[in-house]
Amino acid sequence: MIISEHYKNYIGPPLIKAVLNEEDITEDMLKYYGEKKNWNGYLWTFKELFGDQCYGKNYRFEFKSEDGREHYFHGFINDINQYMNPPLHTPVNQDPKYWENLAMKT
C-alpha cells in the first residue's frame, strides 16, 4: 500500500457490493474502503486486497450515492503486485471542502 493524497481527502459513496470471481467479498472489502469511504487514504495492491491467489480473476465493486445514483468499476487481475487505482465517484465540485476553499480565495 502507498499513501494517496487523492484518496486521503476523498469521501466516496457507500460500498454496497464487492465480488471476486462470483464470490461476494463485500464484508472483507469494507475494512479496506474504510469508515470514511476513502480506501483509508491508500492505494492497495491486488495481492493486499484479494490475497496471493487472485491472479487471473475478475473483480467488481458497486456503490450507491445518497442521491440514489449507482456507480461501479470492474477489472481483471493480470499482476497481483499492481496497485488497484479505483475511480473517484464524487466529482471534486461536490466535495464540501472544494467550496469552502473556493470561498476562502474570494
PDB file of N, CA and C in Angstrom:
ATOM      1  N   MET A   1       0.837  -1.177   0.000  1.00  0.00           N
ATOM      2  CA  MET A   1       0.000   0.000   0.000  1.00  0.00           C
ATOM      3  C   MET A   1       0.880   1.238   0.000  1.00  0.00           C
ATOM      4  N   ILE A   2       0.351   2.270  -0.621  1.00  0.00           N
ATOM      5  CA  ILE A   2       1.027   3.565  -0.608  1.00  0.00           C
ATOM      6  C   ILE A   2      -0.012   4.640  -0.288  1.00  0.00           C
ATOM      7  N   ILE A   3       0.433   5.657   0.421  1.00  0.00           N
ATOM      8  CA  ILE A   3      -0.458   6.769   0.774  1.00  0.00           C
ATOM      9  C   ILE A   3      -0.819   7.524  -0.501  1.00  0.00           C
ATOM     10  N   SER A   4      -2.090   7.926  -0.602  1.00  0.00           N
ATOM     11  CA  SER A   4      -2.564   8.692  -1.749  1.00  0.00           C
ATOM     12  C   SER A   4      -3.260   9.958  -1.265  1.00  0.00           C
ATOM     13  N   GLU A   5      -2.729  11.105  -1.645  1.00  0.00           N
ATOM     14  CA  GLU A   5      -3.358  12.376  -1.267  1.00  0.00           C
ATOM     15  C   GLU A   5      -4.774  12.477  -1.835  1.00  0.00           C
ATOM     16  N   HIS A   6      -4.988  11.928  -3.039  1.00  0.00           N
ATOM     17  CA  HIS A   6      -6.318  11.989  -3.657  1.00  0.00           C
ATOM     18  C   HIS A   6      -7.342  11.248  -2.813  1.00  0.00           C
ATOM     19  N   TYR A   7      -7.009  10.063  -2.363  1.00  0.00           N
ATOM     20  CA  TYR A   7      -7.956   9.275  -1.574  1.00  0.00           C
ATOM     21  C   TYR A   7      -8.040   9.766  -0.136  1.00  0.00           C
ATOM     22  N   LYS A   8      -6.940  10.283   0.394  1.00  0.00           N
ATOM     23  CA  LYS A   8      -6.916  10.773   1.766  1.00  0.00           C
ATOM     24  C   LYS A   8      -7.961  11.868   1.975  1.00  0.00           C
ATOM     25  N   ASN A   9      -8.161  12.715   0.970  1.00  0.00           N
ATOM     26  CA  ASN A   9      -9.099  13.833   1.064  1.00  0.00           C
ATOM     27  C   ASN A   9     -10.436  13.544   0.385  1.00  0.00           C
ATOM     28  N   TYR A  10     -10.702  12.316   0.076  1.00  0.00           N
ATOM     29  CA  TYR A  10     -11.893  11.896  -0.678  1.00  0.00           C
ATOM     30  C   TYR A  10     -12.934  11.298   0.258  1.00  0.00           C
ATOM     31  N   ILE A  11     -14.179  11.544  -0.047  1.00  0.00           N
ATOM     32  CA  ILE A  11     -15.291  10.878   0.641  1.00  0.00           C
ATOM     33  C   ILE A  11     -16.177  10.307  -0.447  1.00  0.00           C
ATOM     34  N   GLY A  12     -16.225   8.998  -0.546  1.00  0.00           N
ATOM     35  CA  GLY A  12     -16.966   8.342  -1.605  1.00  0.00           C
ATOM     36  C   GLY A  12     -18.345   7.880  -1.170  1.00  0.00           C
ATOM     37  N   PRO A  13     -19.085   7.312  -2.094  1.00  0.00           N
ATOM     38  CA  PRO A  13     -20.407   6.769  -1.774  1.00  0.00           C
ATOM     39  C   PRO A  13     -20.255   5.431  -1.036  1.00  0.00           C
ATOM     40  N   PRO A  14     -21.295   4.997  -0.350  1.00  0.00           N
ATOM     41  CA  PRO A  14     -21.242   3.713   0.351  1.00  0.00           C
ATOM     42  C   PRO A  14     -20.990   2.543  -0.605  1.00  0.00           C
ATOM     43  N   LEU A  15     -20.115   1.645  -0.181  1.00  0.00           N
ATOM     44  CA  LEU A  15     -19.856   0.404  -0.911  1.00  0.00           C
ATOM     45  C   LEU A  15     -20.989  -0.562  -0.586  1.00  0.00           C
ATOM     46  N   ILE A  16     -21.682  -1.037  -1.618  1.00  0.00           N
ATOM     47  CA  ILE A  16     -22.807  -1.943  -1.370  1.00  0.00           C
ATOM     48  C   ILE A  16     -22.513  -3.386  -1.766  1.00  0.00           C
ATOM     49  N   LYS A  17     -21.504  -3.581  -2.647  1.00  0.00           N
ATOM     50  CA  LYS A  17     -21.178  -4.951  -3.045  1.00  0.00           C
ATOM     51  C   LYS A  17     -19.785  -5.006  -3.652  1.00  0.00           C
ATOM     52  N   ALA A  18     -19.056  -6.075  -3.309  1.00  0.00           N
ATOM     53  CA  ALA A  18     -17.753  -6.351  -3.913  1.00  0.00           C
ATOM     54  C   ALA A  18     -17.712  -7.837  -4.240  1.00  0.00           C
ATOM     55  N   VAL A  19     -17.249  -8.141  -5.448  1.00  0.00           N
ATOM     56  CA  VAL A  19     -17.259  -9.528  -5.929  1.00  0.00           C
ATOM     57  C   VAL A  19     -15.893  -9.854  -6.542  1.00  0.00           C
ATOM     58  N   LEU A  20     -15.391 -11.038  -6.228  1.00  0.00           N
ATOM     59  CA  LEU A  20     -14.180 -11.564  -6.846  1.00  0.00           C
ATOM     60  C   LEU A  20     -14.529 -12.923  -7.428  1.00  0.00           C
ATOM     61  N   ASN A  21     -14.548 -13.018  -8.759  1.00  0.00           N
ATOM     62  CA  ASN A  21     -14.921 -14.269  -9.448  1.00  0.00           C
ATOM     63  C   ASN A  21     -16.217 -14.864  -8.892  1.00  0.00           C
ATOM     64  N   GLU A  22     -17.262 -14.089  -8.867  1.00  0.00           N
ATOM     65  CA  GLU A  22     -18.598 -14.520  -8.427  1.00  0.00           C
ATOM     66  C   GLU A  22     -18.715 -14.744  -6.921  1.00  0.00           C
ATOM     67  N   GLU A  23     -17.639 -14.542  -6.152  1.00  0.00           N
ATOM     68  CA  GLU A  23     -17.697 -14.697  -4.696  1.00  0.00           C
ATOM     69  C   GLU A  23     -17.912 -13.329  -4.063  1.00  0.00           C
ATOM     70  N   ASP A  24     -18.923 -13.214  -3.223  1.00  0.00           N
ATOM     71  CA  ASP A  24     -19.210 -11.956  -2.534  1.00  0.00           C
ATOM     72  C   ASP A  24     -18.154 -11.727  -1.451  1.00  0.00           C
ATOM     73  N   ILE A  25     -17.392 -10.662  -1.596  1.00  0.00           N
ATOM     74  CA  ILE A  25     -16.334 -10.334  -0.637  1.00  0.00           C
ATOM     75  C   ILE A  25     -16.565  -8.955  -0.004  1.00  0.00           C
ATOM     76  N   THR A  26     -17.811  -8.527  -0.001  1.00  0.00           N
ATOM     77  CA  THR A  26     -18.153  -7.184   0.469  1.00  0.00           C
ATOM     78  C   THR A  26     -17.639  -6.927   1.883  1.00  0.00           C
ATOM     79  N   GLU A  27     -17.910  -7.831   2.796  1.00  0.00           N
ATOM     80  CA  GLU A  27     -17.503  -7.619   4.194  1.00  0.00           C
ATOM     81  C   GLU A  27     -15.998  -7.440   4.325  1.00  0.00           C
ATOM     82  N   ASP A  28     -15.231  -8.232   3.596  1.00  0.00           N
ATOM     83  CA  ASP A  28     -13.773  -8.104   3.639  1.00  0.00           C
ATOM     84  C   ASP A  28     -13.322  -6.761   3.072  1.00  0.00           C
ATOM     85  N   MET A  29     -13.960  -6.300   2.004  1.00  0.00           N
ATOM     86  CA  MET A  29     -13.535  -5.067   1.344  1.00  0.00           C
ATOM     87  C   MET A  29     -13.936  -3.822   2.126  1.00  0.00           C
ATOM     88  N   LEU A  30     -14.969  -3.914   2.945  1.00  0.00           N
ATOM     89  CA  LEU A  30     -15.387  -2.750   3.729  1.00  0.00           C
ATOM     90  C   LEU A  30     -14.277  -2.266   4.653  1.00  0.00           C
ATOM     91  N   LYS A  31     -13.449  -3.175   5.170  1.00  0.00           N
ATOM     92  CA  LYS A  31     -12.356  -2.739   6.050  1.00  0.00           C
ATOM     93  C   LYS A  31     -11.299  -1.958   5.263  1.00  0.00           C
ATOM     94  N   TYR A  32     -11.099  -2.290   3.984  1.00  0.00           N
ATOM     95  CA  TYR A  32     -10.151  -1.546   3.157  1.00  0.00           C
ATOM     96  C   TYR A  32     -10.748  -0.220   2.685  1.00  0.00           C
ATOM     97  N   TYR A  33     -12.037  -0.224   2.375  1.00  0.00           N
ATOM     98  CA  TYR A  33     -12.715   1.005   1.934  1.00  0.00           C
ATOM     99  C   TYR A  33     -12.782   2.003   3.083  1.00  0.00           C
ATOM    100  N   GLY A  34     -12.972   1.515   4.303  1.00  0.00           N
ATOM    101  CA  GLY A  34     -12.886   2.336   5.498  1.00  0.00           C
ATOM    102  C   GLY A  34     -14.159   3.077   5.859  1.00  0.00           C
ATOM    103  N   GLU A  35     -14.191   3.530   7.097  1.00  0.00           N
ATOM    104  CA  GLU A  35     -15.347   4.276   7.607  1.00  0.00           C
ATOM    105  C   GLU A  35     -15.545   5.589   6.872  1.00  0.00           C
ATOM    106  N   LYS A  36     -14.449   6.208   6.432  1.00  0.00           N
ATOM    107  CA  LYS A  36     -14.538   7.482   5.714  1.00  0.00           C
ATOM    108  C   LYS A  36     -14.813   7.289   4.225  1.00  0.00           C
ATOM    109  N   LYS A  37     -14.916   6.022   3.794  1.00  0.00           N
ATOM    110  CA  LYS A  37     -15.204   5.698   2.387  1.00  0.00           C
ATOM    111  C   LYS A  37     -14.154   6.304   1.455  1.00  0.00           C
ATOM    112  N   ASN A  38     -12.883   6.112   1.825  1.00  0.00           N
ATOM    113  CA  ASN A  38     -11.792   6.698   1.049  1.00  0.00           C
ATOM    114  C   ASN A  38     -10.600   5.742   0.896  1.00  0.00           C
ATOM    115  N   TRP A  39     -10.860   4.447   0.989  1.00  0.00           N
ATOM    116  CA  TRP A  39      -9.810   3.434   0.905  1.00  0.00           C
ATOM    117  C   TRP A  39      -8.758   3.650   1.985  1.00  0.00           C
ATOM    118  N   ASN A  40      -9.195   4.256   3.097  1.00  0.00           N
ATOM    119  CA  ASN A  40      -8.313   4.569   4.227  1.00  0.00           C
ATOM    120  C   ASN A  40      -7.118   5.433   3.819  1.00  0.00           C
ATOM    121  N   GLY A  41      -7.276   6.142   2.692  1.00  0.00           N
ATOM    122  CA  GLY A  41      -6.227   7.048   2.228  1.00  0.00           C
ATOM    123  C   GLY A  41      -5.090   6.376   1.486  1.00  0.00           C
ATOM    124  N   TYR A  42      -5.272   5.119   1.092  1.00  0.00           N
ATOM    125  CA  TYR A  42      -4.204   4.364   0.434  1.00  0.00           C
ATOM    126  C   TYR A  42      -4.619   3.826  -0.932  1.00  0.00           C
ATOM    127  N   LEU A  43      -3.605   3.533  -1.740  1.00  0.00           N
ATOM    128  CA  LEU A  43      -3.770   2.672  -2.901  1.00  0.00           C
ATOM    129  C   LEU A  43      -3.266   1.294  -2.465  1.00  0.00           C
ATOM    130  N   TRP A  44      -4.035   0.252  -2.766  1.00  0.00           N
ATOM    131  CA  TRP A  44      -3.715  -1.113  -2.352  1.00  0.00           C
ATOM    132  C   TRP A  44      -3.359  -1.957  -3.572  1.00  0.00           C
ATOM    133  N   THR A  45      -2.446  -2.900  -3.404  1.00  0.00           N
ATOM    134  CA  THR A  45      -2.169  -3.837  -4.486  1.00  0.00           C
ATOM    135  C   THR A  45      -3.288  -4.877  -4.509  1.00  0.00           C
ATOM    136  N   PHE A  46      -3.433  -5.526  -5.640  1.00  0.00           N
ATOM    137  CA  PHE A  46      -4.430  -6.600  -5.740  1.00  0.00           C
ATOM    138  C   PHE A  46      -4.131  -7.704  -4.723  1.00  0.00           C
ATOM    139  N   LYS A  47      -2.862  -8.004  -4.531  1.00  0.00           N
ATOM    140  CA  LYS A  47      -2.463  -9.029  -3.568  1.00  0.00           C
ATOM    141  C   LYS A  47      -2.881  -8.641  -2.155  1.00  0.00           C
ATOM    142  N   GLU A  48      -2.705  -7.366  -1.795  1.00  0.00           N
ATOM    143  CA  GLU A  48      -3.102  -6.902  -0.462  1.00  0.00           C
ATOM    144  C   GLU A  48      -4.615  -7.001  -0.269  1.00  0.00           C
ATOM    145  N   LEU A  49      -5.359  -6.668  -1.304  1.00  0.00           N
ATOM    146  CA  LEU A  49      -6.818  -6.698  -1.207  1.00  0.00           C
ATOM    147  C   LEU A  49      -7.388  -8.107  -1.282  1.00  0.00           C
ATOM    148  N   PHE A  50      -6.908  -8.901  -2.240  1.00  0.00           N
ATOM    149  CA  PHE A  50      -7.554 -10.165  -2.577  1.00  0.00           C
ATOM    150  C   PHE A  50      -6.750 -11.414  -2.225  1.00  0.00           C
ATOM    151  N   GLY A  51      -5.484 -11.259  -1.840  1.00  0.00           N
ATOM    152  CA  GLY A  51      -4.664 -12.406  -1.481  1.00  0.00           C
ATOM    153  C   GLY A  51      -3.782 -12.913  -2.605  1.00  0.00           C
ATOM    154  N   ASP A  52      -2.935 -13.877  -2.268  1.00  0.00           N
ATOM    155  CA  ASP A  52      -1.933 -14.418  -3.194  1.00  0.00           C
ATOM    156  C   ASP A  52      -2.520 -15.136  -4.403  1.00  0.00           C
ATOM    157  N   GLN A  53      -3.730 -15.635  -4.277  1.00  0.00           N
ATOM    158  CA  GLN A  53      -4.312 -16.474  -5.334  1.00  0.00           C
ATOM    159  C   GLN A  53      -5.276 -15.712  -6.246  1.00  0.00           C
ATOM    160  N   CYS A  54      -5.112 -14.399  -6.357  1.00  0.00           N
ATOM    161  CA  CYS A  54      -6.074 -13.601  -7.130  1.00  0.00           C
ATOM    162  C   CYS A  54      -5.710 -13.459  -8.604  1.00  0.00           C
ATOM    163  N   TYR A  55      -4.543 -13.903  -9.014  1.00  0.00           N
ATOM    164  CA  TYR A  55      -4.131 -13.764 -10.410  1.00  0.00           C
ATOM    165  C   TYR A  55      -5.169 -14.398 -11.352  1.00  0.00           C
ATOM    166  N   GLY A  56      -5.525 -13.666 -12.406  1.00  0.00           N
ATOM    167  CA  GLY A  56      -6.445 -14.174 -13.413  1.00  0.00           C
ATOM    168  C   GLY A  56      -7.908 -14.086 -13.042  1.00  0.00           C
ATOM    169  N   LYS A  57      -8.213 -13.417 -11.942  1.00  0.00           N
ATOM    170  CA  LYS A  57      -9.613 -13.315 -11.510  1.00  0.00           C
ATOM    171  C   LYS A  57     -10.202 -11.960 -11.894  1.00  0.00           C
ATOM    172  N   ASN A  58     -11.527 -11.922 -11.954  1.00  0.00           N
ATOM    173  CA  ASN A  58     -12.285 -10.698 -12.208  1.00  0.00           C
ATOM    174  C   ASN A  58     -12.757 -10.115 -10.887  1.00  0.00           C
ATOM    175  N   TYR A  59     -12.883  -8.804 -10.845  1.00  0.00           N
ATOM    176  CA  TYR A  59     -13.426  -8.151  -9.655  1.00  0.00           C
ATOM    177  C   TYR A  59     -14.430  -7.086 -10.073  1.00  0.00           C
ATOM    178  N   ARG A  60     -15.322  -6.763  -9.159  1.00  0.00           N
ATOM    179  CA  ARG A  60     -16.330  -5.729  -9.395  1.00  0.00           C
ATOM    180  C   ARG A  60     -16.694  -5.102  -8.053  1.00  0.00           C
ATOM    181  N   PHE A  61     -16.756  -3.766  -8.022  1.00  0.00           N
ATOM    182  CA  PHE A  61     -17.173  -3.017  -6.840  1.00  0.00           C
ATOM    183  C   PHE A  61     -18.385  -2.178  -7.219  1.00  0.00           C
ATOM    184  N   GLU A  62     -19.403  -2.189  -6.369  1.00  0.00           N
ATOM    185  CA  GLU A  62     -20.630  -1.424  -6.621  1.00  0.00           C
ATOM    186  C   GLU A  62     -20.881  -0.474  -5.449  1.00  0.00           C
ATOM    187  N   PHE A  63     -21.345   0.722  -5.773  1.00  0.00           N
ATOM    188  CA  PHE A  63     -21.588   1.779  -4.793  1.00  0.00           C
ATOM    189  C   PHE A  63     -22.947   2.403  -5.076  1.00  0.00           C
ATOM    190  N   LYS A  64     -23.530   3.033  -4.055  1.00  0.00           N
ATOM    191  CA  LYS A  64     -24.785   3.752  -4.252  1.00  0.00           C
ATOM    192  C   LYS A  64     -24.706   5.072  -3.498  1.00  0.00           C
ATOM    193  N   SER A  65     -24.791   6.164  -4.243  1.00  0.00           N
ATOM    194  CA  SER A  65     -24.721   7.504  -3.658  1.00  0.00           C
ATOM    195  C   SER A  65     -25.985   7.807  -2.863  1.00  0.00           C
ATOM    196  N   GLU A  66     -25.875   8.798  -2.000  1.00  0.00           N
ATOM    197  CA  GLU A  66     -27.032   9.221  -1.212  1.00  0.00           C
ATOM    198  C   GLU A  66     -28.167   9.730  -2.095  1.00  0.00           C
ATOM    199  N   ASP A  67     -27.832  10.222  -3.301  1.00  0.00           N
ATOM    200  CA  ASP A  67     -28.861  10.705  -4.218  1.00  0.00           C
ATOM    201  C   ASP A  67     -29.458   9.575  -5.058  1.00  0.00           C
ATOM    202  N   GLY A  68     -29.063   8.318  -4.761  1.00  0.00           N
ATOM    203  CA  GLY A  68     -29.631   7.168  -5.443  1.00  0.00           C
ATOM    204  C   GLY A  68     -28.876   6.697  -6.676  1.00  0.00           C
ATOM    205  N   ARG A  69     -27.874   7.463  -7.111  1.00  0.00           N
ATOM    206  CA  ARG A  69     -27.106   7.046  -8.284  1.00  0.00           C
ATOM    207  C   ARG A  69     -26.216   5.861  -7.946  1.00  0.00           C
ATOM    208  N   GLU A  70     -26.121   4.928  -8.885  1.00  0.00           N
ATOM    209  CA  GLU A  70     -25.269   3.767  -8.702  1.00  0.00           C
ATOM    210  C   GLU A  70     -23.980   3.944  -9.495  1.00  0.00           C
ATOM    211  N   HIS A  71     -22.883   3.501  -8.915  1.00  0.00           N
ATOM    212  CA  HIS A  71     -21.566   3.597  -9.524  1.00  0.00           C
ATOM    213  C   HIS A  71     -20.916   2.228  -9.410  1.00  0.00           C
ATOM    214  N   TYR A  72     -20.049   1.911 -10.351  1.00  0.00           N
ATOM    215  CA  TYR A  72     -19.310   0.658 -10.242  1.00  0.00           C
ATOM    216  C   TYR A  72     -18.019   0.751 -11.034  1.00  0.00           C
ATOM    217  N   PHE A  73     -17.101  -0.139 -10.712  1.00  0.00           N
ATOM    218  CA  PHE A  73     -15.926  -0.351 -11.546  1.00  0.00           C
ATOM    219  C   PHE A  73     -15.578  -1.824 -11.467  1.00  0.00           C
ATOM    220  N   HIS A  74     -14.889  -2.294 -12.480  1.00  0.00           N
ATOM    221  CA  HIS A  74     -14.545  -3.712 -12.537  1.00  0.00           C
ATOM    222  C   HIS A  74     -13.245  -3.882 -13.297  1.00  0.00           C
ATOM    223  N   GLY A  75     -12.673  -5.070 -13.219  1.00  0.00           N
ATOM    224  CA  GLY A  75     -11.441  -5.323 -13.939  1.00  0.00           C
ATOM    225  C   GLY A  75     -11.008  -6.776 -13.836  1.00  0.00           C
ATOM    226  N   PHE A  76      -9.858  -7.029 -14.420  1.00  0.00           N
ATOM    227  CA  PHE A  76      -9.258  -8.354 -14.473  1.00  0.00           C
ATOM    228  C   PHE A  76      -7.841  -8.225 -13.930  1.00  0.00           C
ATOM    229  N   ILE A  77      -7.409  -9.155 -13.106  1.00  0.00           N
ATOM    230  CA  ILE A  77      -6.107  -9.063 -12.449  1.00  0.00           C
ATOM    231  C   ILE A  77      -5.041  -9.794 -13.265  1.00  0.00           C
ATOM    232  N   ASN A  78      -4.135  -9.019 -13.866  1.00  0.00           N
ATOM    233  CA  ASN A  78      -3.011  -9.560 -14.648  1.00  0.00           C
ATOM    234  C   ASN A  78      -1.741  -9.656 -13.820  1.00  0.00           C
ATOM    235  N   ASP A  79      -1.636  -8.805 -12.794  1.00  0.00           N
ATOM    236  CA  ASP A  79      -0.429  -8.715 -11.973  1.00  0.00           C
ATOM    237  C   ASP A  79      -0.868  -8.451 -10.539  1.00  0.00           C
ATOM    238  N   ILE A  80      -0.657  -9.408  -9.659  1.00  0.00           N
ATOM    239  CA  ILE A  80      -1.146  -9.270  -8.283  1.00  0.00           C
ATOM    240  C   ILE A  80      -0.398  -8.184  -7.513  1.00  0.00           C
ATOM    241  N   ASN A  81       0.762  -7.762  -7.992  1.00  0.00           N
ATOM    242  CA  ASN A  81       1.543  -6.723  -7.312  1.00  0.00           C
ATOM    243  C   ASN A  81       1.244  -5.324  -7.842  1.00  0.00           C
ATOM    244  N   GLN A  82       0.353  -5.218  -8.818  1.00  0.00           N
ATOM    245  CA  GLN A  82      -0.056  -3.929  -9.371  1.00  0.00           C
ATOM    246  C   GLN A  82      -1.018  -3.257  -8.387  1.00  0.00           C
ATOM    247  N   TYR A  83      -0.965  -1.925  -8.332  1.00  0.00           N
ATOM    248  CA  TYR A  83      -1.894  -1.181  -7.480  1.00  0.00           C
ATOM    249  C   TYR A  83      -3.237  -1.033  -8.179  1.00  0.00           C
ATOM    250  N   MET A  84      -4.299  -1.306  -7.433  1.00  0.00           N
ATOM    251  CA  MET A  84      -5.637  -1.030  -7.947  1.00  0.00           C
ATOM    252  C   MET A  84      -5.866   0.466  -7.748  1.00  0.00           C
ATOM    253  N   ASN A  85      -6.283   1.150  -8.787  1.00  0.00           N
ATOM    254  CA  ASN A  85      -6.499   2.590  -8.726  1.00  0.00           C
ATOM    255  C   ASN A  85      -7.969   2.874  -8.995  1.00  0.00           C
ATOM    256  N   PRO A  86      -8.820   2.743  -7.961  1.00  0.00           N
ATOM    257  CA  PRO A  86     -10.256   2.918  -8.165  1.00  0.00           C
ATOM    258  C   PRO A  86     -10.603   4.346  -8.564  1.00  0.00           C
ATOM    259  N   PRO A  87     -11.642   4.506  -9.361  1.00  0.00           N
ATOM    260  CA  PRO A  87     -12.069   5.858  -9.745  1.00  0.00           C
ATOM    261  C   PRO A  87     -12.665   6.603  -8.555  1.00  0.00           C
ATOM    262  N   LEU A  88     -12.581   7.918  -8.595  1.00  0.00           N
ATOM    263  CA  LEU A  88     -13.230   8.755  -7.589  1.00  0.00           C
ATOM    264  C   LEU A  88     -14.629   9.048  -8.119  1.00  0.00           C
ATOM    265  N   HIS A  89     -15.640   8.548  -7.433  1.00  0.00           N
ATOM    266  CA  HIS A  89     -17.015   8.659  -7.932  1.00  0.00           C
ATOM    267  C   HIS A  89     -17.662  10.005  -7.650  1.00  0.00           C
ATOM    268  N   THR A  90     -17.161  10.727  -6.666  1.00  0.00           N
ATOM    269  CA  THR A  90     -17.734  12.020  -6.337  1.00  0.00           C
ATOM    270  C   THR A  90     -16.883  13.099  -6.985  1.00  0.00           C
ATOM    271  N   PRO A  91     -17.435  13.855  -7.938  1.00  0.00           N
ATOM    272  CA  PRO A  91     -16.644  14.915  -8.563  1.00  0.00           C
ATOM    273  C   PRO A  91     -16.134  15.900  -7.513  1.00  0.00           C
ATOM    274  N   VAL A  92     -14.981  16.475  -7.780  1.00  0.00           N
ATOM    275  CA  VAL A  92     -14.365  17.405  -6.837  1.00  0.00           C
ATOM    276  C   VAL A  92     -15.325  18.519  -6.464  1.00  0.00           C
ATOM    277  N   ASN A  93     -16.112  19.012  -7.420  1.00  0.00           N
ATOM    278  CA  ASN A  93     -17.000  20.136  -7.122  1.00  0.00           C
ATOM    279  C   ASN A  93     -18.181  19.738  -6.246  1.00  0.00           C
ATOM    280  N   GLN A  94     -18.343  18.439  -5.924  1.00  0.00           N
ATOM    281  CA  GLN A  94     -19.384  18.019  -4.983  1.00  0.00           C
ATOM    282  C   GLN A  94     -18.818  17.803  -3.584  1.00  0.00           C
ATOM    283  N   ASP A  95     -17.528  17.977  -3.426  1.00  0.00           N
ATOM    284  CA  ASP A  95     -16.879  17.846  -2.135  1.00  0.00           C
ATOM    285  C   ASP A  95     -17.050  19.170  -1.391  1.00  0.00           C
ATOM    286  N   PRO A  96     -17.637  19.157  -0.194  1.00  0.00           N
ATOM    287  CA  PRO A  96     -17.845  20.413   0.553  1.00  0.00           C
ATOM    288  C   PRO A  96     -16.552  21.199   0.767  1.00  0.00           C
ATOM    289  N   LYS A  97     -15.418  20.525   0.919  1.00  0.00           N
ATOM    290  CA  LYS A  97     -14.146  21.220   1.120  1.00  0.00           C
ATOM    291  C   LYS A  97     -13.771  22.042  -0.106  1.00  0.00           C
ATOM    292  N   TYR A  98     -14.148  21.568  -1.290  1.00  0.00           N
ATOM    293  CA  TYR A  98     -13.877  22.307  -2.520  1.00  0.00           C
ATOM    294  C   TYR A  98     -14.520  23.690  -2.433  1.00  0.00           C
ATOM    295  N   TRP A  99     -15.780  23.750  -2.017  1.00  0.00           N
ATOM    296  CA  TRP A  99     -16.498  25.019  -1.959  1.00  0.00           C
ATOM    297  C   TRP A  99     -15.982  25.898  -0.828  1.00  0.00           C
ATOM    298  N   GLU A 100     -15.590  25.307   0.294  1.00  0.00           N
ATOM    299  CA  GLU A 100     -15.019  26.067   1.390  1.00  0.00           C
ATOM    300  C   GLU A 100     -13.720  26.739   0.955  1.00  0.00           C
ATOM    301  N   ASN A 101     -12.861  25.963   0.289  1.00  0.00           N
ATOM    302  CA  ASN A 101     -11.588  26.515  -0.180  1.00  0.00           C
ATOM    303  C   ASN A 101     -11.804  27.603  -1.217  1.00  0.00           C
ATOM    304  N   LEU A 102     -12.782  27.406  -2.104  1.00  0.00           N
ATOM    305  CA  LEU A 102     -13.073  28.404  -3.125  1.00  0.00           C
ATOM    306  C   LEU A 102     -13.567  29.707  -2.482  1.00  0.00           C
ATOM    307  N   ALA A 103     -14.431  29.575  -1.478  1.00  0.00           N
ATOM    308  CA  ALA A 103     -14.968  30.759  -0.795  1.00  0.00           C
ATOM    309  C   ALA A 103     -13.858  31.524  -0.071  1.00  0.00           C
ATOM    310  N   MET A 104     -12.886  30.806   0.445  1.00  0.00           N
ATOM    311  CA  MET A 104     -11.782  31.459   1.166  1.00  0.00           C
ATOM    312  C   MET A 104     -10.886  32.251   0.231  1.00  0.00           C
ATOM    313  N   LYS A 105     -10.847  31.852  -1.041  1.00  0.00           N
ATOM    314  CA  LYS A 105      -9.986  32.531  -2.017  1.00  0.00           C
ATOM    315  C   LYS A 105     -10.626  33.809  -2.538  1.00  0.00           C
ATOM    316  N   THR A 106     -11.942  33.960  -2.403  1.00  0.00           N
ATOM    317  CA  THR A 106     -12.605  35.145  -2.936  1.00  0.00           C
ATOM    318  C   THR A 106     -12.826  36.204  -1.900  1.00  0.00           C
TER     319      THR A 106
END
